[in-house]
Amino acid sequence: MNGPIVFITGSTDGIGKATARNLISRGAEVILHGRNIRKGNRVQKELAEITGTTEPDILIADLSSPDQLRQMAQRILFRGIHALMS
């Protein structure tokens, strides 16, 4: 059985990124969130290298945009998650 699926908003920097790294290293499947695709792609690769796992999924969305927020919520619901961290 795989670990829990955790969605972390703002995970391309700071505390969110550190949280993602910690959870991945503990066996969780992490879905990253960010607003910038380049930054998101860089963090995906970095976390995979650091943790020795495959690249985590990432959702790119500006949370101040109702349309982008709605689309992201639909993808999360379709995917199913066990925890949301912000």
PDB file of N, CA and C in Angstrom:
ATOM      1  N   MET A   1       0.831  -1.184   0.000  1.00  0.00           N
ATOM      2  CA  MET A   1       0.000   0.000   0.000  1.00  0.00           C
ATOM      3  C   MET A   1       0.873   1.243   0.000  1.00  0.00           C
ATOM      4  N   ASN A   2       0.498   2.211  -0.810  1.00  0.00           N
ATOM      5  CA  ASN A   2       1.230   3.475  -0.863  1.00  0.00           C
ATOM      6  C   ASN A   2       0.881   4.330   0.333  1.00  0.00           C
ATOM      7  N   GLY A   3       1.734   5.331   0.584  1.00  0.00           N
ATOM      8  CA  GLY A   3       1.479   6.272   1.673  1.00  0.00           C
ATOM      9  C   GLY A   3       0.331   7.202   1.318  1.00  0.00           C
ATOM     10  N   PRO A   4      -0.015   8.081   2.236  1.00  0.00           N
ATOM     11  CA  PRO A   4      -1.109   9.010   2.001  1.00  0.00           C
ATOM     12  C   PRO A   4      -0.780   9.978   0.864  1.00  0.00           C
ATOM     13  N   ILE A   5      -1.819  10.472   0.226  1.00  0.00           N
ATOM     14  CA  ILE A   5      -1.665  11.481  -0.825  1.00  0.00           C
ATOM     15  C   ILE A   5      -1.912  12.832  -0.170  1.00  0.00           C
ATOM     16  N   VAL A   6      -0.903  13.706  -0.232  1.00  0.00           N
ATOM     17  CA  VAL A   6      -0.977  15.005   0.434  1.00  0.00           C
ATOM     18  C   VAL A   6      -0.796  16.104  -0.601  1.00  0.00           C
ATOM     19  N   PHE A   7      -1.712  17.068  -0.590  1.00  0.00           N
ATOM     20  CA  PHE A   7      -1.634  18.233  -1.478  1.00  0.00           C
ATOM     21  C   PHE A   7      -1.133  19.408  -0.654  1.00  0.00           C
ATOM     22  N   ILE A   8      -0.063  20.054  -1.122  1.00  0.00           N
ATOM     23  CA  ILE A   8       0.550  21.149  -0.378  1.00  0.00           C
ATOM     24  C   ILE A   8       0.546  22.409  -1.237  1.00  0.00           C
ATOM     25  N   THR A   9      -0.194  23.429  -0.787  1.00  0.00           N
ATOM     26  CA  THR A   9      -0.199  24.686  -1.518  1.00  0.00           C
ATOM     27  C   THR A   9       1.088  25.452  -1.199  1.00  0.00           C
ATOM     28  N   GLY A  10       1.523  26.248  -2.169  1.00  0.00           N
ATOM     29  CA  GLY A  10       2.727  27.049  -1.966  1.00  0.00           C
ATOM     30  C   GLY A  10       3.960  26.215  -1.694  1.00  0.00           C
ATOM     31  N   SER A  11       4.087  25.105  -2.385  1.00  0.00           N
ATOM     32  CA  SER A  11       5.166  24.169  -2.070  1.00  0.00           C
ATOM     33  C   SER A  11       6.404  24.331  -2.945  1.00  0.00           C
ATOM     34  N   THR A  12       6.530  25.451  -3.623  1.00  0.00           N
ATOM     35  CA  THR A  12       7.728  25.662  -4.441  1.00  0.00           C
ATOM     36  C   THR A  12       8.768  26.507  -3.713  1.00  0.00           C
ATOM     37  N   ASP A  13       8.519  26.826  -2.450  1.00  0.00           N
ATOM     38  CA  ASP A  13       9.417  27.669  -1.660  1.00  0.00           C
ATOM     39  C   ASP A  13       9.274  27.389  -0.173  1.00  0.00           C
ATOM     40  N   GLY A  14      10.233  27.810   0.584  1.00  0.00           N
ATOM     41  CA  GLY A  14      10.158  27.886   2.030  1.00  0.00           C
ATOM     42  C   GLY A  14       9.584  26.686   2.757  1.00  0.00           C
ATOM     43  N   ILE A  15       8.645  26.970   3.658  1.00  0.00           N
ATOM     44  CA  ILE A  15       8.059  25.943   4.515  1.00  0.00           C
ATOM     45  C   ILE A  15       7.324  24.885   3.697  1.00  0.00           C
ATOM     46  N   GLY A  16       6.603  25.306   2.661  1.00  0.00           N
ATOM     47  CA  GLY A  16       5.879  24.347   1.830  1.00  0.00           C
ATOM     48  C   GLY A  16       6.810  23.353   1.163  1.00  0.00           C
ATOM     49  N   LYS A  17       7.910  23.841   0.663  1.00  0.00           N
ATOM     50  CA  LYS A  17       8.903  22.978   0.009  1.00  0.00           C
ATOM     51  C   LYS A  17       9.547  22.038   1.023  1.00  0.00           C
ATOM     52  N   ALA A  18       9.890  22.564   2.199  1.00  0.00           N
ATOM     53  CA  ALA A  18      10.484  21.729   3.250  1.00  0.00           C
ATOM     54  C   ALA A  18       9.495  20.665   3.724  1.00  0.00           C
ATOM     55  N   THR A  19       8.237  21.033   3.825  1.00  0.00           N
ATOM     56  CA  THR A  19       7.207  20.075   4.223  1.00  0.00           C
ATOM     57  C   THR A  19       7.082  18.968   3.185  1.00  0.00           C
ATOM     58  N   ALA A  20       7.076  19.353   1.913  1.00  0.00           N
ATOM     59  CA  ALA A  20       6.985  18.370   0.832  1.00  0.00           C
ATOM     60  C   ALA A  20       8.158  17.395   0.905  1.00  0.00           C
ATOM     61  N   ARG A  21       9.345  17.916   1.076  1.00  0.00           N
ATOM     62  CA  ARG A  21      10.541  17.069   1.158  1.00  0.00           C
ATOM     63  C   ARG A  21      10.423  16.086   2.328  1.00  0.00           C
ATOM     64  N   ASN A  22       9.999  16.577   3.473  1.00  0.00           N
ATOM     65  CA  ASN A  22       9.867  15.731   4.653  1.00  0.00           C
ATOM     66  C   ASN A  22       8.820  14.639   4.437  1.00  0.00           C
ATOM     67  N   LEU A  23       7.666  15.001   3.902  1.00  0.00           N
ATOM     68  CA  LEU A  23       6.602  14.020   3.696  1.00  0.00           C
ATOM     69  C   LEU A  23       6.979  12.974   2.649  1.00  0.00           C
ATOM     70  N   ILE A  24       7.638  13.406   1.579  1.00  0.00           N
ATOM     71  CA  ILE A  24       8.079  12.457   0.549  1.00  0.00           C
ATOM     72  C   ILE A  24       9.068  11.464   1.156  1.00  0.00           C
ATOM     73  N   SER A  25       9.991  11.972   1.958  1.00  0.00           N
ATOM     74  CA  SER A  25      10.988  11.082   2.554  1.00  0.00           C
ATOM     75  C   SER A  25      10.358  10.096   3.541  1.00  0.00           C
ATOM     76  N   ARG A  26       9.161  10.388   4.021  1.00  0.00           N
ATOM     77  CA  ARG A  26       8.442   9.499   4.937  1.00  0.00           C
ATOM     78  C   ARG A  26       7.456   8.585   4.209  1.00  0.00           C
ATOM     79  N   GLY A  27       7.450   8.660   2.864  1.00  0.00           N
ATOM     80  CA  GLY A  27       6.629   7.736   2.091  1.00  0.00           C
ATOM     81  C   GLY A  27       5.307   8.273   1.585  1.00  0.00           C
ATOM     82  N   ALA A  28       5.035   9.546   1.825  1.00  0.00           N
ATOM     83  CA  ALA A  28       3.791  10.128   1.322  1.00  0.00           C
ATOM     84  C   ALA A  28       3.913  10.418  -0.172  1.00  0.00           C
ATOM     85  N   GLU A  29       2.794  10.375  -0.850  1.00  0.00           N
ATOM     86  CA  GLU A  29       2.722  10.810  -2.236  1.00  0.00           C
ATOM     87  C   GLU A  29       2.277  12.263  -2.189  1.00  0.00           C
ATOM     88  N   VAL A  30       3.117  13.157  -2.662  1.00  0.00           N
ATOM     89  CA  VAL A  30       2.864  14.588  -2.542  1.00  0.00           C
ATOM     90  C   VAL A  30       2.483  15.184  -3.891  1.00  0.00           C
ATOM     91  N   ILE A  31       1.477  16.044  -3.856  1.00  0.00           N
ATOM     92  CA  ILE A  31       1.102  16.848  -5.013  1.00  0.00           C
ATOM     93  C   ILE A  31       1.480  18.280  -4.667  1.00  0.00           C
ATOM     94  N   LEU A  32       2.402  18.826  -5.416  1.00  0.00           N
ATOM     95  CA  LEU A  32       2.876  20.187  -5.198  1.00  0.00           C
ATOM     96  C   LEU A  32       1.914  21.195  -5.815  1.00  0.00           C
ATOM     97  N   HIS A  33       1.938  22.411  -5.299  1.00  0.00           N
ATOM     98  CA  HIS A  33       1.186  23.511  -5.902  1.00  0.00           C
ATOM     99  C   HIS A  33       2.109  24.717  -6.012  1.00  0.00           C
ATOM    100  N   GLY A  34       1.952  25.442  -7.102  1.00  0.00           N
ATOM    101  CA  GLY A  34       2.686  26.685  -7.286  1.00  0.00           C
ATOM    102  C   GLY A  34       2.013  27.525  -8.349  1.00  0.00           C
ATOM    103  N   ARG A  35       2.472  28.762  -8.477  1.00  0.00           N
ATOM    104  CA  ARG A  35       1.918  29.655  -9.498  1.00  0.00           C
ATOM    105  C   ARG A  35       2.813  29.738 -10.727  1.00  0.00           C
ATOM    106  N   ASN A  36       4.074  29.360 -10.577  1.00  0.00           N
ATOM    107  CA  ASN A  36       5.047  29.521 -11.645  1.00  0.00           C
ATOM    108  C   ASN A  36       5.508  28.150 -12.135  1.00  0.00           C
ATOM    109  N   ILE A  37       5.243  27.848 -13.396  1.00  0.00           N
ATOM    110  CA  ILE A  37       5.561  26.524 -13.951  1.00  0.00           C
ATOM    111  C   ILE A  37       7.065  26.234 -13.924  1.00  0.00           C
ATOM    112  N   ARG A  38       7.900  27.222 -14.226  1.00  0.00           N
ATOM    113  CA  ARG A  38       9.355  26.995 -14.219  1.00  0.00           C
ATOM    114  C   ARG A  38       9.844  26.637 -12.820  1.00  0.00           C
ATOM    115  N   LYS A  39       9.385  27.404 -11.848  1.00  0.00           N
ATOM    116  CA  LYS A  39       9.760  27.141 -10.463  1.00  0.00           C
ATOM    117  C   LYS A  39       9.245  25.766 -10.032  1.00  0.00           C
ATOM    118  N   GLY A  40       8.022  25.463 -10.410  1.00  0.00           N
ATOM    119  CA  GLY A  40       7.429  24.170 -10.075  1.00  0.00           C
ATOM    120  C   GLY A  40       8.219  23.013 -10.651  1.00  0.00           C
ATOM    121  N   ASN A  41       8.588  23.120 -11.916  1.00  0.00           N
ATOM    122  CA  ASN A  41       9.374  22.062 -12.561  1.00  0.00           C
ATOM    123  C   ASN A  41      10.728  21.886 -11.885  1.00  0.00           C
ATOM    124  N   ARG A  42      11.346  23.007 -11.505  1.00  0.00           N
ATOM    125  CA  ARG A  42      12.656  22.949 -10.836  1.00  0.00           C
ATOM    126  C   ARG A  42      12.532  22.228  -9.483  1.00  0.00           C
ATOM    127  N   VAL A  43      11.477  22.557  -8.727  1.00  0.00           N
ATOM    128  CA  VAL A  43      11.279  21.932  -7.417  1.00  0.00           C
ATOM    129  C   VAL A  43      10.959  20.450  -7.572  1.00  0.00           C
ATOM    130  N   GLN A  44      10.181  20.083  -8.591  1.00  0.00           N
ATOM    131  CA  GLN A  44       9.893  18.668  -8.853  1.00  0.00           C
ATOM    132  C   GLN A  44      11.188  17.883  -8.986  1.00  0.00           C
ATOM    133  N   LYS A  45      12.058  18.358  -9.842  1.00  0.00           N
ATOM    134  CA  LYS A  45      13.327  17.672 -10.094  1.00  0.00           C
ATOM    135  C   LYS A  45      14.199  17.645  -8.841  1.00  0.00           C
ATOM    136  N   GLU A  46      14.266  18.776  -8.151  1.00  0.00           N
ATOM    137  CA  GLU A  46      15.082  18.870  -6.941  1.00  0.00           C
ATOM    138  C   GLU A  46      14.610  17.882  -5.866  1.00  0.00           C
ATOM    139  N   LEU A  47      13.299  17.825  -5.641  1.00  0.00           N
ATOM    140  CA  LEU A  47      12.773  16.915  -4.626  1.00  0.00           C
ATOM    141  C   LEU A  47      13.010  15.452  -5.011  1.00  0.00           C
ATOM    142  N   ALA A  48      12.892  15.141  -6.286  1.00  0.00           N
ATOM    143  CA  ALA A  48      13.147  13.766  -6.731  1.00  0.00           C
ATOM    144  C   ALA A  48      14.608  13.380  -6.485  1.00  0.00           C
ATOM    145  N   GLU A  49      15.523  14.303  -6.760  1.00  0.00           N
ATOM    146  CA  GLU A  49      16.945  14.034  -6.541  1.00  0.00           C
ATOM    147  C   GLU A  49      17.266  13.880  -5.056  1.00  0.00           C
ATOM    148  N   ILE A  50      16.729  14.773  -4.245  1.00  0.00           N
ATOM    149  CA  ILE A  50      17.018  14.758  -2.807  1.00  0.00           C
ATOM    150  C   ILE A  50      16.455  13.508  -2.136  1.00  0.00           C
ATOM    151  N   THR A  51      15.220  13.146  -2.496  1.00  0.00           N
ATOM    152  CA  THR A  51      14.549  12.042  -1.808  1.00  0.00           C
ATOM    153  C   THR A  51      14.775  10.685  -2.471  1.00  0.00           C
ATOM    154  N   GLY A  52      15.299  10.694  -3.697  1.00  0.00           N
ATOM    155  CA  GLY A  52      15.528   9.433  -4.397  1.00  0.00           C
ATOM    156  C   GLY A  52      14.245   8.779  -4.885  1.00  0.00           C
ATOM    157  N   THR A  53      13.221   9.581  -5.120  1.00  0.00           N
ATOM    158  CA  THR A  53      11.935   9.071  -5.597  1.00  0.00           C
ATOM    159  C   THR A  53      11.638   9.652  -6.976  1.00  0.00           C
ATOM    160  N   THR A  54      10.506   9.255  -7.537  1.00  0.00           N
ATOM    161  CA  THR A  54      10.081   9.858  -8.800  1.00  0.00           C
ATOM    162  C   THR A  54       9.613  11.282  -8.527  1.00  0.00           C
ATOM    163  N   GLU A  55       9.547  12.069  -9.573  1.00  0.00           N
ATOM    164  CA  GLU A  55       9.123  13.456  -9.428  1.00  0.00           C
ATOM    165  C   GLU A  55       7.680  13.522  -8.927  1.00  0.00           C
ATOM    166  N   PRO A  56       7.422  14.347  -7.918  1.00  0.00           N
ATOM    167  CA  PRO A  56       6.042  14.500  -7.446  1.00  0.00           C
ATOM    168  C   PRO A  56       5.201  15.224  -8.489  1.00  0.00           C
ATOM    169  N   ASP A  57       3.893  15.025  -8.442  1.00  0.00           N
ATOM    170  CA  ASP A  57       2.988  15.756  -9.317  1.00  0.00           C
ATOM    171  C   ASP A  57       2.963  17.212  -8.899  1.00  0.00           C
ATOM    172  N   ILE A  58       2.582  18.083  -9.835  1.00  0.00           N
ATOM    173  CA  ILE A  58       2.446  19.501  -9.512  1.00  0.00           C
ATOM    174  C   ILE A  58       1.227  20.070 -10.216  1.00  0.00           C
ATOM    175  N   LEU A  59       0.527  20.926  -9.520  1.00  0.00           N
ATOM    176  CA  LEU A  59      -0.594  21.673 -10.092  1.00  0.00           C
ATOM    177  C   LEU A  59      -0.211  23.141 -10.075  1.00  0.00           C
ATOM    178  N   ILE A  60      -0.344  23.774 -11.217  1.00  0.00           N
ATOM    179  CA  ILE A  60      -0.030  25.197 -11.334  1.00  0.00           C
ATOM    180  C   ILE A  60      -1.344  25.966 -11.367  1.00  0.00           C
ATOM    181  N   ALA A  61      -1.501  26.892 -10.431  1.00  0.00           N
ATOM    182  CA  ALA A  61      -2.714  27.700 -10.383  1.00  0.00           C
ATOM    183  C   ALA A  61      -2.478  28.922  -9.512  1.00  0.00           C
ATOM    184  N   ASP A  62      -3.101  30.021  -9.910  1.00  0.00           N
ATOM    185  CA  ASP A  62      -3.116  31.235  -9.109  1.00  0.00           C
ATOM    186  C   ASP A  62      -4.374  31.164  -8.250  1.00  0.00           C
ATOM    187  N   LEU A  63      -4.212  31.050  -6.957  1.00  0.00           N
ATOM    188  CA  LEU A  63      -5.354  30.856  -6.068  1.00  0.00           C
ATOM    189  C   LEU A  63      -6.248  32.092  -5.965  1.00  0.00           C
ATOM    190  N   SER A  64      -5.809  33.220  -6.503  1.00  0.00           N
ATOM    191  CA  SER A  64      -6.669  34.405  -6.508  1.00  0.00           C
ATOM    192  C   SER A  64      -7.589  34.431  -7.727  1.00  0.00           C
ATOM    193  N   SER A  65      -7.412  33.484  -8.635  1.00  0.00           N
ATOM    194  CA  SER A  65      -8.246  33.384  -9.830  1.00  0.00           C
ATOM    195  C   SER A  65      -9.336  32.334  -9.609  1.00  0.00           C
ATOM    196  N   PRO A  66     -10.601  32.750  -9.562  1.00  0.00           N
ATOM    197  CA  PRO A  66     -11.684  31.773  -9.349  1.00  0.00           C
ATOM    198  C   PRO A  66     -11.673  30.635 -10.369  1.00  0.00           C
ATOM    199  N   ASP A  67     -11.403  30.940 -11.634  1.00  0.00           N
ATOM    200  CA  ASP A  67     -11.388  29.885 -12.664  1.00  0.00           C
ATOM    201  C   ASP A  67     -10.263  28.882 -12.426  1.00  0.00           C
ATOM    202  N   GLN A  68      -9.066  29.385 -12.133  1.00  0.00           N
ATOM    203  CA  GLN A  68      -7.942  28.491 -11.884  1.00  0.00           C
ATOM    204  C   GLN A  68      -8.137  27.684 -10.601  1.00  0.00           C
ATOM    205  N   LEU A  69      -8.709  28.316  -9.603  1.00  0.00           N
ATOM    206  CA  LEU A  69      -8.989  27.620  -8.346  1.00  0.00           C
ATOM    207  C   LEU A  69     -10.003  26.498  -8.558  1.00  0.00           C
ATOM    208  N   ARG A  70     -11.027  26.766  -9.321  1.00  0.00           N
ATOM    209  CA  ARG A  70     -12.051  25.760  -9.623  1.00  0.00           C
ATOM    210  C   ARG A  70     -11.446  24.576 -10.382  1.00  0.00           C
ATOM    211  N   GLN A  71     -10.630  24.876 -11.397  1.00  0.00           N
ATOM    212  CA  GLN A  71      -9.993  23.816 -12.178  1.00  0.00           C
ATOM    213  C   GLN A  71      -9.073  22.967 -11.305  1.00  0.00           C
ATOM    214  N   MET A  72      -8.322  23.630 -10.427  1.00  0.00           N
ATOM    215  CA  MET A  72      -7.424  22.896  -9.545  1.00  0.00           C
ATOM    216  C   MET A  72      -8.222  22.014  -8.588  1.00  0.00           C
ATOM    217  N   ALA A  73      -9.301  22.541  -8.038  1.00  0.00           N
ATOM    218  CA  ALA A  73     -10.143  21.764  -7.118  1.00  0.00           C
ATOM    219  C   ALA A  73     -10.706  20.527  -7.808  1.00  0.00           C
ATOM    220  N   GLN A  74     -11.116  20.663  -9.062  1.00  0.00           N
ATOM    221  CA  GLN A  74     -11.644  19.517  -9.800  1.00  0.00           C
ATOM    222  C   GLN A  74     -10.574  18.448  -9.971  1.00  0.00           C
ATOM    223  N   ARG A  75      -9.353  18.866 -10.277  1.00  0.00           N
ATOM    224  CA  ARG A  75      -8.264  17.897 -10.442  1.00  0.00           C
ATOM    225  C   ARG A  75      -7.941  17.199  -9.128  1.00  0.00           C
ATOM    226  N   ILE A  76      -7.990  17.947  -8.027  1.00  0.00           N
ATOM    227  CA  ILE A  76      -7.715  17.349  -6.724  1.00  0.00           C
ATOM    228  C   ILE A  76      -8.802  16.348  -6.358  1.00  0.00           C
ATOM    229  N   LEU A  77     -10.055  16.728  -6.573  1.00  0.00           N
ATOM    230  CA  LEU A  77     -11.164  15.829  -6.246  1.00  0.00           C
ATOM    231  C   LEU A  77     -11.116  14.573  -7.101  1.00  0.00           C
ATOM    232  N   PHE A  78     -10.783  14.730  -8.370  1.00  0.00           N
ATOM    233  CA  PHE A  78     -10.676  13.578  -9.277  1.00  0.00           C
ATOM    234  C   PHE A  78      -9.568  12.652  -8.798  1.00  0.00           C
ATOM    235  N   ARG A  79      -8.474  13.224  -8.378  1.00  0.00           N
ATOM    236  CA  ARG A  79      -7.305  12.453  -7.956  1.00  0.00           C
ATOM    237  C   ARG A  79      -7.526  11.801  -6.589  1.00  0.00           C
ATOM    238  N   GLY A  80      -8.192  12.526  -5.719  1.00  0.00           N
ATOM    239  CA  GLY A  80      -8.370  12.036  -4.349  1.00  0.00           C
ATOM    240  C   GLY A  80      -7.142  12.339  -3.517  1.00  0.00           C
ATOM    241  N   ILE A  81      -7.353  12.942  -2.365  1.00  0.00           N
ATOM    242  CA  ILE A  81      -6.240  13.236  -1.461  1.00  0.00           C
ATOM    243  C   ILE A  81      -6.637  12.836  -0.041  1.00  0.00           C
ATOM    244  N   HIS A  82      -5.640  12.615   0.777  1.00  0.00           N
ATOM    245  CA  HIS A  82      -5.875  12.287   2.185  1.00  0.00           C
ATOM    246  C   HIS A  82      -5.690  13.505   3.078  1.00  0.00           C
ATOM    247  N   ALA A  83      -4.902  14.494   2.625  1.00  0.00           N
ATOM    248  CA  ALA A  83      -4.637  15.681   3.453  1.00  0.00           C
ATOM    249  C   ALA A  83      -4.329  16.875   2.573  1.00  0.00           C
ATOM    250  N   LEU A  84      -4.715  18.043   3.064  1.00  0.00           N
ATOM    251  CA  LEU A  84      -4.421  19.317   2.406  1.00  0.00           C
ATOM    252  C   LEU A  84      -3.618  20.146   3.376  1.00  0.00           C
ATOM    253  N   MET A  85      -2.468  20.641   2.923  1.00  0.00           N
ATOM    254  CA  MET A  85      -1.630  21.467   3.770  1.00  0.00           C
ATOM    255  C   MET A  85      -1.401  22.786   3.068  1.00  0.00           C
ATOM    256  N   SER A  86      -1.466  23.851   3.815  1.00  0.00           N
ATOM    257  CA  SER A  86      -1.299  25.181   3.235  1.00  0.00           C
ATOM    258  C   SER A  86      -0.254  25.949   4.007  1.00  0.00           C
TER     259      SER A  86
END
